[in-house]
Amino acid sequence: MTLNNTDEQIRHVFDEWHRAVKDQDAEGMAALYAHDGVLETPAVLALWPEREDAVVHGRDPIAQFFAQSFQARSGEGVFEDWFRSGRYFSDGRLLIWEYPRETPKGDQTDVVESMDLQNGLITHHRVYWGWVGFNKLHNAINKGRQ
């Protein structure tokens, strides 16, 4: 078991995540996860309002979540440009970066991606939403429960 990931593995997850999310490539995103990977994001509750929690377990269910999420969000403007600075922080096991609220083109949905990596794959991914993103997510969740 590799405790630390190589710089190349970390950079691959950072770059490939951004490419796949911008291209709405759910399979490409899911391929970055370990088979037993975990995704935690309140967006789960917006997509699947019947859920008790916002945690998805396993690569295949994560791929399903991303595919359905892209389909459901098309045309809603939740994630317009996916601007980020290109900077990330990692200690060899944890990878973190943000999609900031303020961008050169104005405000965007703001989230922080926090990922535990092992052997170059995401084992646990937590998404933290800022206030602009929270408002959009809150509205989507309420709309789904009506």
N, C-alpha and C. Protein backbone atom coordinates (compact mmCIF):
# COMPACT_ATOMS: atom_id res chain seq x y z
N MET A 1 0.85 -1.19 0.00
CA MET A 1 0.00 0.00 0.00
C MET A 1 0.89 1.25 0.00
N THR A 2 0.66 2.13 -0.95
CA THR A 2 1.40 3.38 -1.04
C THR A 2 0.72 4.44 -0.19
N LEU A 3 1.45 4.98 0.78
CA LEU A 3 0.87 6.04 1.60
C LEU A 3 0.94 7.38 0.91
N ASN A 4 2.05 7.64 0.28
CA ASN A 4 2.20 8.89 -0.47
C ASN A 4 2.09 8.61 -1.95
N ASN A 5 1.56 9.57 -2.66
CA ASN A 5 1.43 9.48 -4.11
C ASN A 5 2.55 10.28 -4.74
N THR A 6 2.93 9.92 -5.95
CA THR A 6 3.97 10.67 -6.64
C THR A 6 3.41 12.03 -7.07
N ASP A 7 4.31 12.94 -7.33
CA ASP A 7 3.90 14.25 -7.85
C ASP A 7 3.13 14.09 -9.15
N GLU A 8 3.54 13.13 -9.98
CA GLU A 8 2.87 12.89 -11.25
C GLU A 8 1.44 12.38 -11.03
N GLN A 9 1.26 11.48 -10.07
CA GLN A 9 -0.08 10.97 -9.78
C GLN A 9 -1.00 12.08 -9.26
N ILE A 10 -0.47 12.92 -8.41
CA ILE A 10 -1.26 14.02 -7.86
C ILE A 10 -1.64 15.00 -8.97
N ARG A 11 -0.68 15.35 -9.78
CA ARG A 11 -0.94 16.28 -10.88
C ARG A 11 -1.93 15.68 -11.88
N HIS A 12 -1.84 14.37 -12.11
CA HIS A 12 -2.77 13.70 -13.02
C HIS A 12 -4.21 13.84 -12.51
N VAL A 13 -4.44 13.58 -11.23
CA VAL A 13 -5.80 13.71 -10.68
C VAL A 13 -6.26 15.16 -10.80
N PHE A 14 -5.40 16.10 -10.45
CA PHE A 14 -5.74 17.52 -10.53
C PHE A 14 -6.12 17.92 -11.95
N ASP A 15 -5.29 17.56 -12.92
CA ASP A 15 -5.54 17.95 -14.32
C ASP A 15 -6.70 17.19 -14.93
N GLU A 16 -6.74 15.88 -14.72
CA GLU A 16 -7.76 15.06 -15.36
C GLU A 16 -9.15 15.34 -14.77
N TRP A 17 -9.22 15.62 -13.47
CA TRP A 17 -10.50 15.98 -12.86
C TRP A 17 -11.08 17.20 -13.57
N HIS A 18 -10.26 18.22 -13.72
CA HIS A 18 -10.71 19.47 -14.33
C HIS A 18 -11.13 19.26 -15.78
N ARG A 19 -10.34 18.51 -16.54
CA ARG A 19 -10.69 18.22 -17.93
C ARG A 19 -12.02 17.48 -18.00
N ALA A 20 -12.16 16.44 -17.20
CA ALA A 20 -13.36 15.60 -17.26
C ALA A 20 -14.60 16.37 -16.82
N VAL A 21 -14.49 17.19 -15.80
CA VAL A 21 -15.67 17.92 -15.34
C VAL A 21 -16.07 18.97 -16.37
N LYS A 22 -15.10 19.64 -16.98
CA LYS A 22 -15.43 20.63 -18.02
C LYS A 22 -16.05 19.96 -19.25
N ASP A 23 -15.59 18.75 -19.58
CA ASP A 23 -16.11 18.01 -20.73
C ASP A 23 -17.36 17.20 -20.39
N GLN A 24 -17.79 17.27 -19.13
CA GLN A 24 -18.92 16.47 -18.63
C GLN A 24 -18.71 15.00 -18.95
N ASP A 25 -17.52 14.51 -18.66
CA ASP A 25 -17.12 13.13 -18.90
C ASP A 25 -17.23 12.35 -17.59
N ALA A 26 -18.42 11.84 -17.33
CA ALA A 26 -18.68 11.14 -16.06
C ALA A 26 -17.81 9.90 -15.92
N GLU A 27 -17.62 9.17 -16.98
CA GLU A 27 -16.78 7.95 -16.91
C GLU A 27 -15.33 8.32 -16.64
N GLY A 28 -14.85 9.39 -17.27
CA GLY A 28 -13.48 9.85 -17.03
C GLY A 28 -13.28 10.29 -15.59
N MET A 29 -14.29 10.95 -15.04
CA MET A 29 -14.21 11.37 -13.63
C MET A 29 -14.20 10.15 -12.73
N ALA A 30 -15.11 9.21 -12.97
CA ALA A 30 -15.22 8.02 -12.13
C ALA A 30 -13.94 7.18 -12.17
N ALA A 31 -13.25 7.20 -13.31
CA ALA A 31 -12.01 6.42 -13.44
C ALA A 31 -10.91 6.92 -12.50
N LEU A 32 -11.05 8.12 -11.98
CA LEU A 32 -10.07 8.66 -11.04
C LEU A 32 -10.26 8.13 -9.62
N TYR A 33 -11.36 7.42 -9.37
CA TYR A 33 -11.68 6.92 -8.04
C TYR A 33 -11.25 5.47 -7.89
N ALA A 34 -10.87 5.10 -6.66
CA ALA A 34 -10.67 3.70 -6.34
C ALA A 34 -12.02 2.99 -6.47
N HIS A 35 -12.00 1.69 -6.68
CA HIS A 35 -13.26 0.94 -6.84
C HIS A 35 -14.18 1.13 -5.64
N ASP A 36 -13.61 1.26 -4.45
CA ASP A 36 -14.40 1.46 -3.24
C ASP A 36 -14.36 2.92 -2.76
N GLY A 37 -14.11 3.83 -3.70
CA GLY A 37 -14.02 5.25 -3.37
C GLY A 37 -15.32 5.80 -2.81
N VAL A 38 -15.20 6.93 -2.13
CA VAL A 38 -16.34 7.58 -1.49
C VAL A 38 -16.38 9.04 -1.95
N LEU A 39 -17.59 9.49 -2.27
CA LEU A 39 -17.83 10.89 -2.64
C LEU A 39 -18.85 11.46 -1.66
N GLU A 40 -18.52 12.59 -1.05
CA GLU A 40 -19.44 13.29 -0.15
C GLU A 40 -19.67 14.69 -0.69
N THR A 41 -20.91 14.99 -1.04
CA THR A 41 -21.27 16.33 -1.49
C THR A 41 -22.76 16.55 -1.29
N PRO A 42 -23.17 17.71 -0.82
CA PRO A 42 -24.60 17.97 -0.69
C PRO A 42 -25.33 17.94 -2.02
N ALA A 43 -24.59 17.99 -3.14
CA ALA A 43 -25.23 17.89 -4.46
C ALA A 43 -25.96 16.56 -4.61
N VAL A 44 -25.56 15.56 -3.87
CA VAL A 44 -26.27 14.26 -3.90
C VAL A 44 -27.73 14.46 -3.51
N LEU A 45 -27.96 15.30 -2.51
CA LEU A 45 -29.32 15.54 -2.02
C LEU A 45 -30.15 16.33 -3.03
N ALA A 46 -29.50 17.15 -3.84
CA ALA A 46 -30.22 17.88 -4.89
C ALA A 46 -30.64 16.93 -6.00
N LEU A 47 -29.79 15.97 -6.33
CA LEU A 47 -30.07 15.03 -7.41
C LEU A 47 -30.99 13.90 -6.96
N TRP A 48 -30.74 13.40 -5.77
CA TRP A 48 -31.50 12.27 -5.23
C TRP A 48 -32.15 12.69 -3.91
N PRO A 49 -33.22 13.48 -3.94
CA PRO A 49 -33.80 14.04 -2.71
C PRO A 49 -34.35 12.99 -1.74
N GLU A 50 -34.54 11.78 -2.20
CA GLU A 50 -35.04 10.72 -1.31
C GLU A 50 -33.95 10.18 -0.39
N ARG A 51 -32.69 10.54 -0.64
CA ARG A 51 -31.56 10.04 0.14
C ARG A 51 -31.57 10.59 1.55
N GLU A 52 -31.08 9.81 2.47
CA GLU A 52 -30.91 10.22 3.87
C GLU A 52 -29.59 10.95 4.08
N ASP A 53 -28.58 10.63 3.25
CA ASP A 53 -27.28 11.27 3.39
C ASP A 53 -26.76 11.68 2.02
N ALA A 54 -25.62 12.32 2.03
CA ALA A 54 -25.04 12.86 0.80
C ALA A 54 -23.73 12.16 0.46
N VAL A 55 -23.68 10.86 0.73
CA VAL A 55 -22.47 10.06 0.54
C VAL A 55 -22.74 8.97 -0.49
N VAL A 56 -21.85 8.88 -1.48
CA VAL A 56 -21.95 7.86 -2.52
C VAL A 56 -20.73 6.94 -2.38
N HIS A 57 -20.98 5.64 -2.34
CA HIS A 57 -19.92 4.65 -2.16
C HIS A 57 -19.73 3.84 -3.43
N GLY A 58 -18.49 3.75 -3.92
CA GLY A 58 -18.16 2.90 -5.04
C GLY A 58 -18.07 3.64 -6.36
N ARG A 59 -17.14 3.19 -7.20
CA ARG A 59 -16.87 3.85 -8.47
C ARG A 59 -18.09 3.88 -9.39
N ASP A 60 -18.82 2.75 -9.50
CA ASP A 60 -19.96 2.71 -10.41
C ASP A 60 -21.09 3.66 -9.97
N PRO A 61 -21.48 3.65 -8.69
CA PRO A 61 -22.49 4.63 -8.25
C PRO A 61 -22.00 6.09 -8.40
N ILE A 62 -20.71 6.31 -8.21
CA ILE A 62 -20.16 7.66 -8.39
C ILE A 62 -20.30 8.07 -9.86
N ALA A 63 -19.99 7.16 -10.78
CA ALA A 63 -20.15 7.45 -12.22
C ALA A 63 -21.61 7.75 -12.53
N GLN A 64 -22.53 7.00 -11.94
CA GLN A 64 -23.96 7.23 -12.14
C GLN A 64 -24.35 8.61 -11.62
N PHE A 65 -23.85 8.97 -10.45
CA PHE A 65 -24.14 10.29 -9.89
C PHE A 65 -23.67 11.39 -10.84
N PHE A 66 -22.43 11.31 -11.32
CA PHE A 66 -21.92 12.36 -12.20
C PHE A 66 -22.71 12.42 -13.51
N ALA A 67 -23.01 11.29 -14.09
CA ALA A 67 -23.76 11.28 -15.35
C ALA A 67 -25.14 11.91 -15.17
N GLN A 68 -25.85 11.53 -14.12
CA GLN A 68 -27.17 12.11 -13.87
C GLN A 68 -27.07 13.58 -13.49
N SER A 69 -26.02 13.93 -12.78
CA SER A 69 -25.83 15.32 -12.38
C SER A 69 -25.61 16.21 -13.60
N PHE A 70 -24.78 15.77 -14.54
CA PHE A 70 -24.55 16.55 -15.75
C PHE A 70 -25.85 16.71 -16.54
N GLN A 71 -26.60 15.65 -16.63
CA GLN A 71 -27.86 15.70 -17.38
C GLN A 71 -28.85 16.64 -16.70
N ALA A 72 -28.95 16.57 -15.39
CA ALA A 72 -29.92 17.39 -14.65
C ALA A 72 -29.54 18.86 -14.66
N ARG A 73 -28.23 19.16 -14.68
CA ARG A 73 -27.78 20.55 -14.59
C ARG A 73 -27.64 21.23 -15.94
N SER A 74 -27.81 20.52 -17.01
CA SER A 74 -27.60 21.16 -18.31
C SER A 74 -28.54 22.34 -18.46
N GLY A 75 -27.97 23.48 -18.78
CA GLY A 75 -28.74 24.70 -18.99
C GLY A 75 -29.10 25.46 -17.73
N GLU A 76 -28.74 24.94 -16.55
CA GLU A 76 -29.10 25.62 -15.31
C GLU A 76 -28.09 26.68 -14.89
N GLY A 77 -26.88 26.64 -15.41
CA GLY A 77 -25.88 27.64 -15.05
C GLY A 77 -25.29 27.45 -13.67
N VAL A 78 -25.36 26.24 -13.11
CA VAL A 78 -24.77 26.01 -11.79
C VAL A 78 -23.25 26.10 -11.88
N PHE A 79 -22.69 25.47 -12.90
CA PHE A 79 -21.25 25.55 -13.15
C PHE A 79 -21.06 26.03 -14.57
N GLU A 80 -20.70 27.29 -14.71
CA GLU A 80 -20.61 27.88 -16.03
C GLU A 80 -19.23 27.64 -16.65
N ASP A 81 -18.20 28.14 -16.03
CA ASP A 81 -16.88 28.12 -16.62
C ASP A 81 -15.90 27.18 -15.92
N TRP A 82 -16.13 26.83 -14.68
CA TRP A 82 -15.20 26.03 -13.90
C TRP A 82 -13.83 26.69 -13.86
N PHE A 83 -13.80 27.97 -13.56
CA PHE A 83 -12.53 28.69 -13.44
C PHE A 83 -11.81 28.25 -12.17
N ARG A 84 -10.52 28.05 -12.28
CA ARG A 84 -9.66 27.84 -11.11
C ARG A 84 -8.30 28.42 -11.40
N SER A 85 -7.54 28.67 -10.37
CA SER A 85 -6.25 29.36 -10.52
C SER A 85 -5.16 28.47 -11.09
N GLY A 86 -5.30 27.17 -11.00
CA GLY A 86 -4.23 26.25 -11.41
C GLY A 86 -3.36 25.84 -10.24
N ARG A 87 -3.64 26.40 -9.06
CA ARG A 87 -2.87 26.05 -7.86
C ARG A 87 -3.61 24.97 -7.08
N TYR A 88 -2.84 24.10 -6.48
CA TYR A 88 -3.40 23.10 -5.57
C TYR A 88 -2.42 22.89 -4.43
N PHE A 89 -2.89 22.22 -3.40
CA PHE A 89 -2.06 21.92 -2.25
C PHE A 89 -2.16 20.42 -1.98
N SER A 90 -1.00 19.81 -1.70
CA SER A 90 -0.98 18.39 -1.42
C SER A 90 0.17 18.08 -0.47
N ASP A 91 -0.08 17.12 0.40
CA ASP A 91 0.98 16.61 1.27
C ASP A 91 1.40 15.20 0.85
N GLY A 92 0.99 14.79 -0.34
CA GLY A 92 1.30 13.46 -0.82
C GLY A 92 0.16 12.48 -0.64
N ARG A 93 -0.77 12.82 0.23
CA ARG A 93 -1.95 11.96 0.45
C ARG A 93 -3.24 12.74 0.28
N LEU A 94 -3.24 14.02 0.60
CA LEU A 94 -4.42 14.88 0.52
C LEU A 94 -4.19 15.90 -0.59
N LEU A 95 -5.19 16.06 -1.46
CA LEU A 95 -5.14 17.03 -2.56
C LEU A 95 -6.32 17.97 -2.40
N ILE A 96 -6.04 19.28 -2.41
CA ILE A 96 -7.07 20.29 -2.21
C ILE A 96 -6.89 21.42 -3.21
N TRP A 97 -8.01 21.90 -3.77
CA TRP A 97 -8.01 23.13 -4.57
C TRP A 97 -9.41 23.72 -4.53
N GLU A 98 -9.53 24.94 -5.04
CA GLU A 98 -10.84 25.58 -5.05
C GLU A 98 -11.22 26.07 -6.43
N TYR A 99 -12.53 26.11 -6.62
CA TYR A 99 -13.14 26.86 -7.70
C TYR A 99 -13.69 28.10 -6.99
N PRO A 100 -12.98 29.23 -7.05
CA PRO A 100 -13.35 30.39 -6.24
C PRO A 100 -14.60 31.10 -6.76
N ARG A 101 -15.25 31.82 -5.86
CA ARG A 101 -16.43 32.61 -6.24
C ARG A 101 -16.04 33.66 -7.26
N GLU A 102 -15.03 34.46 -6.96
CA GLU A 102 -14.62 35.54 -7.85
C GLU A 102 -13.73 35.02 -8.97
N THR A 103 -14.11 35.33 -10.20
CA THR A 103 -13.33 34.94 -11.37
C THR A 103 -13.12 36.16 -12.25
N PRO A 104 -12.27 36.08 -13.26
CA PRO A 104 -12.10 37.21 -14.17
C PRO A 104 -13.40 37.59 -14.89
N LYS A 105 -14.36 36.66 -14.99
CA LYS A 105 -15.63 36.92 -15.66
C LYS A 105 -16.77 37.20 -14.70
N GLY A 106 -16.49 37.29 -13.40
CA GLY A 106 -17.54 37.51 -12.41
C GLY A 106 -17.68 36.31 -11.49
N ASP A 107 -18.77 36.28 -10.75
CA ASP A 107 -18.99 35.22 -9.77
C ASP A 107 -19.33 33.89 -10.44
N GLN A 108 -18.90 32.82 -9.79
CA GLN A 108 -19.26 31.47 -10.21
C GLN A 108 -19.62 30.66 -8.97
N THR A 109 -20.15 29.47 -9.19
CA THR A 109 -20.40 28.55 -8.10
C THR A 109 -19.05 28.23 -7.46
N ASP A 110 -18.99 28.39 -6.16
CA ASP A 110 -17.74 28.27 -5.43
C ASP A 110 -17.72 26.98 -4.62
N VAL A 111 -16.70 26.15 -4.89
CA VAL A 111 -16.54 24.90 -4.15
C VAL A 111 -15.06 24.66 -3.89
N VAL A 112 -14.79 23.90 -2.84
CA VAL A 112 -13.45 23.41 -2.54
C VAL A 112 -13.49 21.89 -2.69
N GLU A 113 -12.55 21.37 -3.44
CA GLU A 113 -12.41 19.93 -3.64
C GLU A 113 -11.33 19.44 -2.70
N SER A 114 -11.65 18.46 -1.87
CA SER A 114 -10.71 17.86 -0.93
C SER A 114 -10.71 16.35 -1.17
N MET A 115 -9.56 15.80 -1.56
CA MET A 115 -9.49 14.40 -1.96
C MET A 115 -8.36 13.68 -1.25
N ASP A 116 -8.69 12.55 -0.65
CA ASP A 116 -7.67 11.63 -0.14
C ASP A 116 -7.29 10.73 -1.30
N LEU A 117 -5.98 10.58 -1.54
CA LEU A 117 -5.48 9.76 -2.65
C LEU A 117 -4.66 8.59 -2.12
N GLN A 118 -4.78 7.48 -2.81
CA GLN A 118 -3.96 6.31 -2.53
C GLN A 118 -3.67 5.62 -3.85
N ASN A 119 -2.41 5.33 -4.09
CA ASN A 119 -1.99 4.71 -5.36
C ASN A 119 -2.49 5.49 -6.56
N GLY A 120 -2.52 6.81 -6.46
CA GLY A 120 -2.92 7.66 -7.57
C GLY A 120 -4.40 7.72 -7.84
N LEU A 121 -5.23 7.18 -6.93
CA LEU A 121 -6.68 7.20 -7.09
C LEU A 121 -7.35 7.88 -5.90
N ILE A 122 -8.52 8.44 -6.13
CA ILE A 122 -9.28 9.10 -5.07
C ILE A 122 -9.95 8.02 -4.22
N THR A 123 -9.66 8.05 -2.93
CA THR A 123 -10.32 7.10 -2.02
C THR A 123 -11.47 7.76 -1.26
N HIS A 124 -11.35 9.05 -1.01
CA HIS A 124 -12.41 9.78 -0.32
C HIS A 124 -12.39 11.23 -0.81
N HIS A 125 -13.51 11.69 -1.31
CA HIS A 125 -13.64 13.02 -1.91
C HIS A 125 -14.74 13.77 -1.18
N ARG A 126 -14.38 14.94 -0.66
CA ARG A 126 -15.34 15.80 0.02
C ARG A 126 -15.41 17.13 -0.72
N VAL A 127 -16.64 17.59 -0.98
CA VAL A 127 -16.84 18.84 -1.69
C VAL A 127 -17.48 19.83 -0.71
N TYR A 128 -16.83 20.96 -0.51
CA TYR A 128 -17.31 22.00 0.39
C TYR A 128 -17.80 23.18 -0.44
N TRP A 129 -19.03 23.57 -0.21
CA TRP A 129 -19.68 24.60 -1.02
C TRP A 129 -19.61 25.97 -0.34
N GLY A 130 -19.29 27.00 -1.13
CA GLY A 130 -19.31 28.38 -0.66
C GLY A 130 -20.72 28.94 -0.73
N TRP A 131 -20.87 30.21 -0.42
CA TRP A 131 -22.21 30.77 -0.29
C TRP A 131 -22.95 30.90 -1.62
N VAL A 132 -22.26 31.20 -2.71
CA VAL A 132 -22.94 31.28 -4.01
C VAL A 132 -23.41 29.88 -4.41
N GLY A 133 -22.53 28.91 -4.29
CA GLY A 133 -22.89 27.54 -4.60
C GLY A 133 -23.97 27.01 -3.69
N PHE A 134 -23.88 27.35 -2.40
CA PHE A 134 -24.88 26.89 -1.45
C PHE A 134 -26.27 27.40 -1.84
N ASN A 135 -26.36 28.66 -2.22
CA ASN A 135 -27.67 29.20 -2.62
C ASN A 135 -28.24 28.46 -3.82
N LYS A 136 -27.40 28.19 -4.81
CA LYS A 136 -27.87 27.45 -5.99
C LYS A 136 -28.26 26.02 -5.61
N LEU A 137 -27.45 25.41 -4.77
CA LEU A 137 -27.72 24.04 -4.34
C LEU A 137 -28.99 23.98 -3.49
N HIS A 138 -29.15 24.92 -2.59
CA HIS A 138 -30.34 25.00 -1.74
C HIS A 138 -31.60 25.10 -2.58
N ASN A 139 -31.57 25.97 -3.58
CA ASN A 139 -32.72 26.11 -4.48
C ASN A 139 -33.01 24.82 -5.23
N ALA A 140 -31.95 24.14 -5.70
CA ALA A 140 -32.14 22.89 -6.42
C ALA A 140 -32.74 21.81 -5.53
N ILE A 141 -32.25 21.74 -4.28
CA ILE A 141 -32.78 20.74 -3.34
C ILE A 141 -34.24 21.01 -3.04
N ASN A 142 -34.57 22.27 -2.78
CA ASN A 142 -35.97 22.61 -2.49
C ASN A 142 -36.87 22.34 -3.69
N LYS A 143 -36.38 22.62 -4.89
CA LYS A 143 -37.15 22.36 -6.11
C LYS A 143 -37.40 20.86 -6.26
N GLY A 144 -36.40 20.03 -5.93
CA GLY A 144 -36.52 18.59 -6.05
C GLY A 144 -37.47 17.98 -5.03
N ARG A 145 -37.71 18.67 -3.94
CA ARG A 145 -38.58 18.13 -2.88
C ARG A 145 -40.01 18.63 -2.98
N GLN A 146 -40.30 19.47 -3.97
CA GLN A 146 -41.66 20.00 -4.13
C GLN A 146 -42.53 19.06 -4.93
